[in-house]
Amino acid sequence: MAEPRWVVVGVWIAFPLLGAAACWILQASAAWLADLRWVPKRRLFEFLASLPEVPRTAGALALGSVAGLVVALAAAERLTVTVAWDLVTLARPAKAGQQLARTDIGAVFIDDKELVLLDRVTAELAREKSDLKAAPLRDAFVSRGYPWCDKDPYEDDYRLWVPGTPGLPAGANGLLMARGRTLEGKKPAESSELRAELARLGIVVRTRGKRQYWRRSLQRP
């Protein structure tokens, strides 16, 4: 299950065009913007207005198109979910997919635009950001007999983490503190690695903004 092809194609066409159009409008308005006292970076607009029209326009169109392509590339990294009777595959372009056996899956649900799959001792098997609609996802899992939940069945077990939280396994506070720094620095890869380390300690963690909430899985260390 993935975004319709027309959506994917539209992203690759629309974003470069929108980027080029935005930069064209910006450069065409440079002289006017440079005369407005309240506009920030006025010197930049003054510099743009001083350039010859042809290279200024060509540069703006090129820069806008490239910026649009960068945004389109990020948008194209969408999650594809394949639900078979015995296996669930989660994949993104240019990345290795994750395959989860049906016998290992204890719950499936959407949590704040993330697709979450739990194992049978309530630990997380996967947590992936997804723009896929909840209803088709639910139908795909339910029609094949997977344990779909309309919300996180362990919602009430989560607690806000603060430094020095008592009752956590040894090392968990340090991992959560390190993960907090990766959230501040917007380093998703490192954040995921630390989530995996916490899972080995029997701690399930989720994020709301830059706050971390935790609970224990049933299989405790």
C-alpha atoms as a PDB file:
ATOM      1  CA  MET A   1       0.000   0.000   0.000  1.00  0.00           C
ATOM      2  CA  ALA A   2       1.503   3.291  -1.108  1.00  0.00           C
ATOM      3  CA  GLU A   3       0.511   6.762  -2.216  1.00  0.00           C
ATOM      4  CA  PRO A   4      -1.269   6.738  -5.626  1.00  0.00           C
ATOM      5  CA  ARG A   5       1.135   7.065  -8.553  1.00  0.00           C
ATOM      6  CA  TRP A   6      -0.480  10.336  -9.642  1.00  0.00           C
ATOM      7  CA  VAL A   7       0.373  11.821  -6.244  1.00  0.00           C
ATOM      8  CA  VAL A   8       4.017  10.759  -6.545  1.00  0.00           C
ATOM      9  CA  VAL A   9       4.287  12.112 -10.100  1.00  0.00           C
ATOM     10  CA  GLY A  10       2.536  15.309  -9.060  1.00  0.00           C
ATOM     11  CA  VAL A  11       5.034  15.865  -6.246  1.00  0.00           C
ATOM     12  CA  TRP A  12       8.003  15.631  -8.644  1.00  0.00           C
ATOM     13  CA  ILE A  13       6.353  18.064 -11.075  1.00  0.00           C
ATOM     14  CA  ALA A  14       4.616  20.480  -8.718  1.00  0.00           C
ATOM     15  CA  PHE A  15       7.373  21.190  -6.203  1.00  0.00           C
ATOM     16  CA  PRO A  16      10.046  22.257  -8.746  1.00  0.00           C
ATOM     17  CA  LEU A  17       7.463  24.408 -10.551  1.00  0.00           C
ATOM     18  CA  LEU A  18       6.294  26.006  -7.318  1.00  0.00           C
ATOM     19  CA  GLY A  19       9.884  26.607  -6.233  1.00  0.00           C
ATOM     20  CA  ALA A  20      10.773  28.210  -9.550  1.00  0.00           C
ATOM     21  CA  ALA A  21       7.635  30.373  -9.468  1.00  0.00           C
ATOM     22  CA  ALA A  22       8.293  31.523  -5.904  1.00  0.00           C
ATOM     23  CA  CYS A  23      11.894  32.499  -6.660  1.00  0.00           C
ATOM     24  CA  TRP A  24      10.822  34.266  -9.868  1.00  0.00           C
ATOM     25  CA  ILE A  25       8.253  36.329  -7.979  1.00  0.00           C
ATOM     26  CA  LEU A  26      10.830  37.118  -5.293  1.00  0.00           C
ATOM     27  CA  GLN A  27      13.463  38.353  -7.745  1.00  0.00           C
ATOM     28  CA  ALA A  28      10.876  40.294  -9.759  1.00  0.00           C
ATOM     29  CA  SER A  29       9.822  42.069  -6.566  1.00  0.00           C
ATOM     30  CA  ALA A  30      13.371  42.700  -5.343  1.00  0.00           C
ATOM     31  CA  ALA A  31      13.433  46.438  -6.098  1.00  0.00           C
ATOM     32  CA  TRP A  32      10.034  46.994  -4.477  1.00  0.00           C
ATOM     33  CA  LEU A  33      10.975  44.955  -1.384  1.00  0.00           C
ATOM     34  CA  ALA A  34      14.291  46.824  -1.054  1.00  0.00           C
ATOM     35  CA  ASP A  35      12.348  50.088  -0.654  1.00  0.00           C
ATOM     36  CA  LEU A  36      10.286  48.787   2.279  1.00  0.00           C
ATOM     37  CA  ARG A  37      11.942  49.700   5.570  1.00  0.00           C
ATOM     38  CA  TRP A  38      10.281  46.921   7.559  1.00  0.00           C
ATOM     39  CA  VAL A  39      11.439  44.098   5.246  1.00  0.00           C
ATOM     40  CA  PRO A  40      14.298  42.032   6.754  1.00  0.00           C
ATOM     41  CA  LYS A  41      17.440  41.376   4.678  1.00  0.00           C
ATOM     42  CA  ARG A  42      16.873  44.545   2.630  1.00  0.00           C
ATOM     43  CA  ARG A  43      20.482  44.536   1.466  1.00  0.00           C
ATOM     44  CA  LEU A  44      19.951  41.170  -0.145  1.00  0.00           C
ATOM     45  CA  PHE A  45      17.025  42.556  -2.143  1.00  0.00           C
ATOM     46  CA  GLU A  46      19.055  45.625  -3.047  1.00  0.00           C
ATOM     47  CA  PHE A  47      21.793  43.350  -4.360  1.00  0.00           C
ATOM     48  CA  LEU A  48      19.288  41.291  -6.368  1.00  0.00           C
ATOM     49  CA  ALA A  49      17.747  44.413  -7.860  1.00  0.00           C
ATOM     50  CA  SER A  50      21.187  45.596  -8.971  1.00  0.00           C
ATOM     51  CA  LEU A  51      21.852  42.460 -11.048  1.00  0.00           C
ATOM     52  CA  PRO A  52      21.114  42.324 -14.799  1.00  0.00           C
ATOM     53  CA  GLU A  53      17.617  41.032 -15.440  1.00  0.00           C
ATOM     54  CA  VAL A  54      18.461  37.974 -17.582  1.00  0.00           C
ATOM     55  CA  PRO A  55      21.020  36.314 -15.269  1.00  0.00           C
ATOM     56  CA  ARG A  56      18.933  37.311 -12.228  1.00  0.00           C
ATOM     57  CA  THR A  57      15.827  35.639 -13.662  1.00  0.00           C
ATOM     58  CA  ALA A  58      17.722  32.562 -14.851  1.00  0.00           C
ATOM     59  CA  GLY A  59      19.410  32.159 -11.477  1.00  0.00           C
ATOM     60  CA  ALA A  60      16.134  32.516  -9.609  1.00  0.00           C
ATOM     61  CA  LEU A  61      14.411  29.901 -11.766  1.00  0.00           C
ATOM     62  CA  ALA A  62      17.323  27.480 -11.381  1.00  0.00           C
ATOM     63  CA  LEU A  63      17.577  27.977  -7.630  1.00  0.00           C
ATOM     64  CA  GLY A  64      13.836  27.579  -7.156  1.00  0.00           C
ATOM     65  CA  SER A  65      13.728  24.409  -9.259  1.00  0.00           C
ATOM     66  CA  VAL A  66      16.589  22.847  -7.288  1.00  0.00           C
ATOM     67  CA  ALA A  67      14.949  23.770  -3.983  1.00  0.00           C
ATOM     68  CA  GLY A  68      11.701  22.229  -5.224  1.00  0.00           C
ATOM     69  CA  LEU A  69      13.507  19.038  -6.196  1.00  0.00           C
ATOM     70  CA  VAL A  70      15.033  18.810  -2.708  1.00  0.00           C
ATOM     71  CA  VAL A  71      11.585  19.142  -1.147  1.00  0.00           C
ATOM     72  CA  ALA A  72      10.167  16.601  -3.619  1.00  0.00           C
ATOM     73  CA  LEU A  73      12.940  14.152  -2.734  1.00  0.00           C
ATOM     74  CA  ALA A  74      12.082  14.433   0.944  1.00  0.00           C
ATOM     75  CA  ALA A  75       8.372  14.034   0.197  1.00  0.00           C
ATOM     76  CA  ALA A  76       9.055  11.008  -2.019  1.00  0.00           C
ATOM     77  CA  GLU A  77      10.586   9.098   0.903  1.00  0.00           C
ATOM     78  CA  ARG A  78       7.137   7.839   1.775  1.00  0.00           C
ATOM     79  CA  LEU A  79       6.341   4.616   3.541  1.00  0.00           C
ATOM     80  CA  THR A  80       5.029   1.674   1.525  1.00  0.00           C
ATOM     81  CA  VAL A  81       3.179  -0.992   3.498  1.00  0.00           C
ATOM     82  CA  THR A  82       2.610  -4.470   2.067  1.00  0.00           C
ATOM     83  CA  VAL A  83       0.226  -6.625   4.099  1.00  0.00           C
ATOM     84  CA  ALA A  84       0.278 -10.319   3.232  1.00  0.00           C
ATOM     85  CA  TRP A  85      -1.426 -13.111   5.126  1.00  0.00           C
ATOM     86  CA  ASP A  86       1.797 -14.166   6.815  1.00  0.00           C
ATOM     87  CA  LEU A  87       4.061 -11.140   6.523  1.00  0.00           C
ATOM     88  CA  VAL A  88       4.079  -7.336   6.755  1.00  0.00           C
ATOM     89  CA  THR A  89       6.698  -5.396   4.809  1.00  0.00           C
ATOM     90  CA  LEU A  90       7.537  -1.762   5.550  1.00  0.00           C
ATOM     91  CA  ALA A  91       9.700  -0.057   2.926  1.00  0.00           C
ATOM     92  CA  ARG A  92      10.926   3.331   1.769  1.00  0.00           C
ATOM     93  CA  PRO A  93      12.702   4.197  -1.505  1.00  0.00           C
ATOM     94  CA  ALA A  94      16.462   3.522  -1.455  1.00  0.00           C
ATOM     95  CA  LYS A  95      16.255   1.943   2.003  1.00  0.00           C
ATOM     96  CA  ALA A  96      16.230  -1.646   3.165  1.00  0.00           C
ATOM     97  CA  GLY A  97      12.714  -2.804   3.989  1.00  0.00           C
ATOM     98  CA  GLN A  98      11.618  -4.330   7.275  1.00  0.00           C
ATOM     99  CA  GLN A  99       9.697  -7.603   7.258  1.00  0.00           C
ATOM    100  CA  LEU A 100       7.597  -8.674  10.232  1.00  0.00           C
ATOM    101  CA  ALA A 101       6.084 -12.119  10.590  1.00  0.00           C
ATOM    102  CA  ARG A 102       2.393 -12.225  11.408  1.00  0.00           C
ATOM    103  CA  THR A 103       3.027 -14.609  14.301  1.00  0.00           C
ATOM    104  CA  ASP A 104       5.185 -11.945  15.988  1.00  0.00           C
ATOM    105  CA  ILE A 105       2.605  -9.144  15.774  1.00  0.00           C
ATOM    106  CA  GLY A 106       0.421  -8.475  18.806  1.00  0.00           C
ATOM    107  CA  ALA A 107      -1.133  -5.117  17.889  1.00  0.00           C
ATOM    108  CA  VAL A 108      -1.233  -2.620  14.998  1.00  0.00           C
ATOM    109  CA  PHE A 109      -2.424   0.985  15.275  1.00  0.00           C
ATOM    110  CA  ILE A 110      -1.867   4.583  14.217  1.00  0.00           C
ATOM    111  CA  ASP A 111      -0.297   6.852  16.819  1.00  0.00           C
ATOM    112  CA  ASP A 112       0.009  10.541  15.896  1.00  0.00           C
ATOM    113  CA  LYS A 113       0.612   9.834  12.164  1.00  0.00           C
ATOM    114  CA  GLU A 114       2.945   6.953  12.931  1.00  0.00           C
ATOM    115  CA  LEU A 115       2.204   3.337  12.067  1.00  0.00           C
ATOM    116  CA  VAL A 116       3.070   1.221  15.100  1.00  0.00           C
ATOM    117  CA  LEU A 117       3.359  -2.557  15.326  1.00  0.00           C
ATOM    118  CA  LEU A 118       3.805  -4.208  18.725  1.00  0.00           C
ATOM    119  CA  ASP A 119       4.924  -7.726  19.496  1.00  0.00           C
ATOM    120  CA  ARG A 120       3.107 -10.078  21.819  1.00  0.00           C
ATOM    121  CA  VAL A 121       4.841  -8.737  24.926  1.00  0.00           C
ATOM    122  CA  THR A 122       3.884  -5.119  23.990  1.00  0.00           C
ATOM    123  CA  ALA A 123       7.360  -4.089  22.826  1.00  0.00           C
ATOM    124  CA  GLU A 124       7.567  -2.112  19.580  1.00  0.00           C
ATOM    125  CA  LEU A 125       8.475  -3.999  16.438  1.00  0.00           C
ATOM    126  CA  ALA A 126       8.217  -0.869  14.287  1.00  0.00           C
ATOM    127  CA  ARG A 127       7.211   2.785  14.514  1.00  0.00           C
ATOM    128  CA  GLU A 128       7.187   4.540  11.134  1.00  0.00           C
ATOM    129  CA  LYS A 129       5.960   7.970  10.105  1.00  0.00           C
ATOM    130  CA  SER A 130       3.284   7.566   7.463  1.00  0.00           C
ATOM    131  CA  ASP A 131       1.056   9.799   5.344  1.00  0.00           C
ATOM    132  CA  LEU A 132      -1.126   6.842   4.401  1.00  0.00           C
ATOM    133  CA  LYS A 133      -4.787   7.165   5.332  1.00  0.00           C
ATOM    134  CA  ALA A 134      -5.855   5.286   8.440  1.00  0.00           C
ATOM    135  CA  ALA A 135      -8.980   3.725   6.896  1.00  0.00           C
ATOM    136  CA  PRO A 136      -7.225   1.852   4.018  1.00  0.00           C
ATOM    137  CA  LEU A 137      -4.492   0.722   6.401  1.00  0.00           C
ATOM    138  CA  ARG A 138      -7.085  -0.583   8.829  1.00  0.00           C
ATOM    139  CA  ASP A 139      -8.924  -2.416   6.050  1.00  0.00           C
ATOM    140  CA  ALA A 140      -5.705  -4.018   4.797  1.00  0.00           C
ATOM    141  CA  PHE A 141      -4.768  -5.350   8.233  1.00  0.00           C
ATOM    142  CA  VAL A 142      -8.259  -6.310   9.402  1.00  0.00           C
ATOM    143  CA  SER A 143      -9.133  -8.135   6.161  1.00  0.00           C
ATOM    144  CA  ARG A 144      -6.118 -10.395   6.721  1.00  0.00           C
ATOM    145  CA  GLY A 145      -6.852 -11.033  10.368  1.00  0.00           C
ATOM    146  CA  TYR A 146      -4.206  -8.840  11.999  1.00  0.00           C
ATOM    147  CA  PRO A 147      -4.954  -7.423  15.489  1.00  0.00           C
ATOM    148  CA  TRP A 148      -5.773  -3.832  14.525  1.00  0.00           C
ATOM    149  CA  CYS A 149      -6.490  -1.329  17.333  1.00  0.00           C
ATOM    150  CA  ASP A 150      -8.179   2.044  16.850  1.00  0.00           C
ATOM    151  CA  LYS A 151      -5.716   3.591  19.332  1.00  0.00           C
ATOM    152  CA  ASP A 152      -2.687   2.616  21.371  1.00  0.00           C
ATOM    153  CA  PRO A 153      -3.968  -0.080  23.743  1.00  0.00           C
ATOM    154  CA  TYR A 154      -1.302   0.938  26.287  1.00  0.00           C
ATOM    155  CA  GLU A 155      -1.951   4.682  26.094  1.00  0.00           C
ATOM    156  CA  ASP A 156      -2.525   4.993  29.836  1.00  0.00           C
ATOM    157  CA  ASP A 157       0.761   3.295  30.712  1.00  0.00           C
ATOM    158  CA  TYR A 158       2.993   6.080  29.376  1.00  0.00           C
ATOM    159  CA  ARG A 159       4.661   8.499  31.746  1.00  0.00           C
ATOM    160  CA  LEU A 160       6.491  11.738  30.998  1.00  0.00           C
ATOM    161  CA  TRP A 161      10.246  11.319  31.309  1.00  0.00           C
ATOM    162  CA  VAL A 162      12.285  13.858  33.227  1.00  0.00           C
ATOM    163  CA  PRO A 163      15.987  13.552  34.100  1.00  0.00           C
ATOM    164  CA  GLY A 164      16.506  11.218  37.020  1.00  0.00           C
ATOM    165  CA  THR A 165      13.131   9.489  36.760  1.00  0.00           C
ATOM    166  CA  PRO A 166      13.125   6.719  39.413  1.00  0.00           C
ATOM    167  CA  GLY A 167      12.209   3.125  38.667  1.00  0.00           C
ATOM    168  CA  LEU A 168      13.874   2.861  35.264  1.00  0.00           C
ATOM    169  CA  PRO A 169      16.408   0.122  34.459  1.00  0.00           C
ATOM    170  CA  ALA A 170      20.082   0.978  34.887  1.00  0.00           C
ATOM    171  CA  GLY A 171      21.288   3.081  31.989  1.00  0.00           C
ATOM    172  CA  ALA A 172      17.811   4.064  30.763  1.00  0.00           C
ATOM    173  CA  ASN A 173      17.967   7.609  32.127  1.00  0.00           C
ATOM    174  CA  GLY A 174      21.265   8.186  30.343  1.00  0.00           C
ATOM    175  CA  LEU A 175      19.873   6.848  27.069  1.00  0.00           C
ATOM    176  CA  LEU A 176      16.781   9.022  27.356  1.00  0.00           C
ATOM    177  CA  MET A 177      18.923  12.059  28.086  1.00  0.00           C
ATOM    178  CA  ALA A 178      21.094  11.320  25.038  1.00  0.00           C
ATOM    179  CA  ARG A 179      17.991  10.796  22.925  1.00  0.00           C
ATOM    180  CA  GLY A 180      16.640  14.137  24.098  1.00  0.00           C
ATOM    181  CA  ARG A 181      19.754  15.785  22.690  1.00  0.00           C
ATOM    182  CA  THR A 182      19.220  14.074  19.331  1.00  0.00           C
ATOM    183  CA  LEU A 183      15.653  15.422  19.285  1.00  0.00           C
ATOM    184  CA  GLU A 184      16.956  18.920  19.979  1.00  0.00           C
ATOM    185  CA  GLY A 185      19.523  18.503  17.211  1.00  0.00           C
ATOM    186  CA  LYS A 186      17.018  16.925  14.811  1.00  0.00           C
ATOM    187  CA  LYS A 187      19.041  13.747  14.281  1.00  0.00           C
ATOM    188  CA  PRO A 188      16.395  11.093  13.529  1.00  0.00           C
ATOM    189  CA  ALA A 189      18.857   8.284  12.745  1.00  0.00           C
ATOM    190  CA  GLU A 190      20.612   8.616  16.109  1.00  0.00           C
ATOM    191  CA  SER A 191      17.263   8.984  17.855  1.00  0.00           C
ATOM    192  CA  SER A 192      16.103   5.679  16.337  1.00  0.00           C
ATOM    193  CA  GLU A 193      19.287   3.926  17.459  1.00  0.00           C
ATOM    194  CA  LEU A 194      18.758   5.103  21.022  1.00  0.00           C
ATOM    195  CA  ARG A 195      15.119   3.991  20.865  1.00  0.00           C
ATOM    196  CA  ALA A 196      16.371   0.513  19.925  1.00  0.00           C
ATOM    197  CA  GLU A 197      18.792   0.525  22.864  1.00  0.00           C
ATOM    198  CA  LEU A 198      15.949   1.443  25.218  1.00  0.00           C
ATOM    199  CA  ALA A 199      13.858  -1.378  23.758  1.00  0.00           C
ATOM    200  CA  ARG A 200      16.605  -3.824  24.763  1.00  0.00           C
ATOM    201  CA  LEU A 201      16.075  -2.633  28.335  1.00  0.00           C
ATOM    202  CA  GLY A 202      12.345  -3.258  28.061  1.00  0.00           C
ATOM    203  CA  ILE A 203      11.460   0.433  27.688  1.00  0.00           C
ATOM    204  CA  VAL A 204       9.055   1.667  25.009  1.00  0.00           C
ATOM    205  CA  VAL A 205       9.433   5.367  24.251  1.00  0.00           C
ATOM    206  CA  ARG A 206       7.428   7.762  22.129  1.00  0.00           C
ATOM    207  CA  THR A 207       7.829  11.449  21.389  1.00  0.00           C
ATOM    208  CA  ARG A 208       5.464  14.385  21.537  1.00  0.00           C
ATOM    209  CA  GLY A 209       7.229  17.480  20.242  1.00  0.00           C
ATOM    210  CA  LYS A 210      10.516  17.286  22.130  1.00  0.00           C
ATOM    211  CA  ARG A 211       9.048  15.523  25.150  1.00  0.00           C
ATOM    212  CA  GLN A 212       9.613  11.824  25.703  1.00  0.00           C
ATOM    213  CA  TYR A 213       7.093   9.462  27.261  1.00  0.00           C
ATOM    214  CA  TRP A 214       7.963   5.943  28.382  1.00  0.00           C
ATOM    215  CA  ARG A 215       6.425   2.692  29.530  1.00  0.00           C
ATOM    216  CA  ARG A 216       7.681  -0.804  30.218  1.00  0.00           C
ATOM    217  CA  SER A 217       6.974  -3.722  27.941  1.00  0.00           C
ATOM    218  CA  LEU A 218       5.618  -6.864  29.562  1.00  0.00           C
ATOM    219  CA  GLN A 219       8.958  -8.587  29.051  1.00  0.00           C
ATOM    220  CA  ARG A 220      11.088  -6.846  31.580  1.00  0.00           C
ATOM    221  CA  PRO A 221      14.881  -7.114  31.783  1.00  0.00           C
END
